[in-house]
Amino acid sequence: NDRERNRMHHLNAALDELRSVLPTFPDDTKLTKIETLRFAYNYIWALSETLRLA
């Protein structure tokens, strides 16, 4: 189905963009989709806590 293929293409592109702004260790590690979302959530939480406590 072309619609589903297009949807997945956009989703994967968005996840790739998100991965590009997340710090990963080591740098060549490619996170899975769920790892990317969980890491982004935790990273955003950590940044907001840093700001809250500053």
N, C-alpha and C. Protein backbone atom coordinates (compact mmCIF):
# COMPACT_ATOMS: atom_id res chain seq x y z
N ASN A 1 0.84 -1.18 0.00
CA ASN A 1 0.00 0.00 0.00
C ASN A 1 0.89 1.25 0.00
N ASP A 2 0.66 2.11 -0.97
CA ASP A 2 1.48 3.32 -1.11
C ASP A 2 1.31 4.28 0.06
N ARG A 3 0.10 4.38 0.56
CA ARG A 3 -0.15 5.30 1.69
C ARG A 3 0.63 4.87 2.93
N GLU A 4 0.62 3.59 3.22
CA GLU A 4 1.36 3.07 4.38
C GLU A 4 2.86 3.23 4.19
N ARG A 5 3.34 2.96 2.99
CA ARG A 5 4.77 3.11 2.69
C ARG A 5 5.19 4.56 2.88
N ASN A 6 4.37 5.49 2.43
CA ASN A 6 4.65 6.92 2.57
C ASN A 6 4.63 7.33 4.05
N ARG A 7 3.66 6.81 4.79
CA ARG A 7 3.57 7.12 6.22
C ARG A 7 4.82 6.62 6.95
N MET A 8 5.25 5.41 6.65
CA MET A 8 6.44 4.86 7.29
C MET A 8 7.70 5.61 6.88
N HIS A 9 7.75 6.06 5.64
CA HIS A 9 8.90 6.85 5.19
C HIS A 9 9.00 8.14 6.00
N HIS A 10 7.87 8.82 6.19
CA HIS A 10 7.87 10.07 6.97
C HIS A 10 8.20 9.81 8.44
N LEU A 11 7.67 8.73 8.98
CA LEU A 11 7.97 8.38 10.37
C LEU A 11 9.45 8.09 10.56
N ASN A 12 10.02 7.29 9.65
CA ASN A 12 11.44 6.97 9.74
C ASN A 12 12.32 8.21 9.55
N ALA A 13 11.91 9.11 8.67
CA ALA A 13 12.67 10.35 8.47
C ALA A 13 12.63 11.20 9.75
N ALA A 14 11.47 11.26 10.39
CA ALA A 14 11.34 12.03 11.63
C ALA A 14 12.20 11.41 12.74
N LEU A 15 12.21 10.09 12.83
CA LEU A 15 13.03 9.42 13.83
C LEU A 15 14.52 9.63 13.56
N ASP A 16 14.91 9.61 12.29
CA ASP A 16 16.31 9.88 11.95
C ASP A 16 16.70 11.30 12.35
N GLU A 17 15.79 12.25 12.13
CA GLU A 17 16.06 13.63 12.53
C GLU A 17 16.18 13.74 14.05
N LEU A 18 15.30 13.06 14.76
CA LEU A 18 15.37 13.07 16.22
C LEU A 18 16.68 12.45 16.70
N ARG A 19 17.07 11.32 16.10
CA ARG A 19 18.34 10.68 16.47
C ARG A 19 19.52 11.62 16.25
N SER A 20 19.43 12.46 15.24
CA SER A 20 20.56 13.34 14.91
C SER A 20 20.80 14.41 15.97
N VAL A 21 19.80 14.72 16.78
CA VAL A 21 19.97 15.75 17.81
C VAL A 21 20.15 15.17 19.21
N LEU A 22 20.05 13.86 19.33
CA LEU A 22 20.24 13.23 20.64
C LEU A 22 21.70 12.80 20.80
N PRO A 23 22.28 13.06 21.97
CA PRO A 23 23.64 12.58 22.20
C PRO A 23 23.60 11.06 22.41
N THR A 24 24.44 10.34 21.67
CA THR A 24 24.52 8.89 21.84
C THR A 24 25.94 8.49 22.13
N PHE A 25 26.11 7.41 22.84
CA PHE A 25 27.42 6.92 23.23
C PHE A 25 27.49 5.44 22.94
N PRO A 26 28.33 4.96 22.05
CA PRO A 26 29.19 5.76 21.16
C PRO A 26 28.38 6.40 20.04
N ASP A 27 29.01 7.32 19.32
CA ASP A 27 28.31 8.10 18.31
C ASP A 27 27.74 7.27 17.17
N ASP A 28 28.34 6.13 16.88
CA ASP A 28 27.86 5.33 15.74
C ASP A 28 26.74 4.36 16.11
N THR A 29 26.27 4.40 17.36
CA THR A 29 25.19 3.53 17.78
C THR A 29 23.87 4.02 17.21
N LYS A 30 23.17 3.15 16.48
CA LYS A 30 21.85 3.52 15.97
C LYS A 30 20.79 2.95 16.90
N LEU A 31 20.03 3.83 17.49
CA LEU A 31 18.99 3.42 18.41
C LEU A 31 17.80 2.88 17.64
N THR A 32 17.08 1.93 18.23
CA THR A 32 15.84 1.45 17.62
C THR A 32 14.79 2.54 17.76
N LYS A 33 13.65 2.34 17.16
CA LYS A 33 12.57 3.34 17.24
C LYS A 33 12.15 3.57 18.69
N ILE A 34 11.90 2.49 19.42
CA ILE A 34 11.46 2.64 20.80
C ILE A 34 12.57 3.20 21.67
N GLU A 35 13.81 2.78 21.43
CA GLU A 35 14.94 3.34 22.19
C GLU A 35 15.08 4.83 21.93
N THR A 36 14.87 5.25 20.69
CA THR A 36 14.95 6.66 20.34
C THR A 36 13.91 7.46 21.09
N LEU A 37 12.67 6.97 21.10
CA LEU A 37 11.60 7.69 21.80
C LEU A 37 11.82 7.73 23.31
N ARG A 38 12.24 6.62 23.87
CA ARG A 38 12.51 6.59 25.32
C ARG A 38 13.68 7.49 25.69
N PHE A 39 14.74 7.43 24.89
CA PHE A 39 15.90 8.26 25.16
C PHE A 39 15.54 9.74 25.05
N ALA A 40 14.77 10.10 24.02
CA ALA A 40 14.35 11.49 23.84
C ALA A 40 13.53 11.96 25.03
N TYR A 41 12.61 11.13 25.48
CA TYR A 41 11.78 11.47 26.64
C TYR A 41 12.66 11.72 27.87
N ASN A 42 13.57 10.79 28.13
CA ASN A 42 14.45 10.93 29.30
C ASN A 42 15.40 12.12 29.17
N TYR A 43 15.88 12.36 27.97
CA TYR A 43 16.79 13.49 27.73
C TYR A 43 16.06 14.81 27.96
N ILE A 44 14.85 14.92 27.44
CA ILE A 44 14.05 16.14 27.65
C ILE A 44 13.75 16.32 29.13
N TRP A 45 13.42 15.23 29.82
CA TRP A 45 13.16 15.31 31.25
C TRP A 45 14.41 15.80 32.00
N ALA A 46 15.57 15.24 31.66
CA ALA A 46 16.81 15.63 32.33
C ALA A 46 17.13 17.10 32.08
N LEU A 47 16.94 17.56 30.85
CA LEU A 47 17.18 18.97 30.54
C LEU A 47 16.23 19.87 31.31
N SER A 48 14.97 19.48 31.39
CA SER A 48 14.01 20.31 32.11
C SER A 48 14.31 20.33 33.61
N GLU A 49 14.78 19.21 34.15
CA GLU A 49 15.17 19.18 35.56
C GLU A 49 16.38 20.07 35.81
N THR A 50 17.31 20.07 34.88
CA THR A 50 18.48 20.94 34.99
C THR A 50 18.06 22.40 35.04
N LEU A 51 17.12 22.76 34.18
CA LEU A 51 16.63 24.14 34.17
C LEU A 51 15.84 24.45 35.44
N ARG A 52 15.05 23.51 35.89
CA ARG A 52 14.23 23.72 37.08
C ARG A 52 15.10 23.93 38.31
N LEU A 53 16.20 23.21 38.39
CA LEU A 53 17.06 23.28 39.57
C LEU A 53 18.10 24.40 39.49
N ALA A 54 18.20 25.04 38.34
CA ALA A 54 19.22 26.08 38.16
C ALA A 54 18.81 27.38 38.82
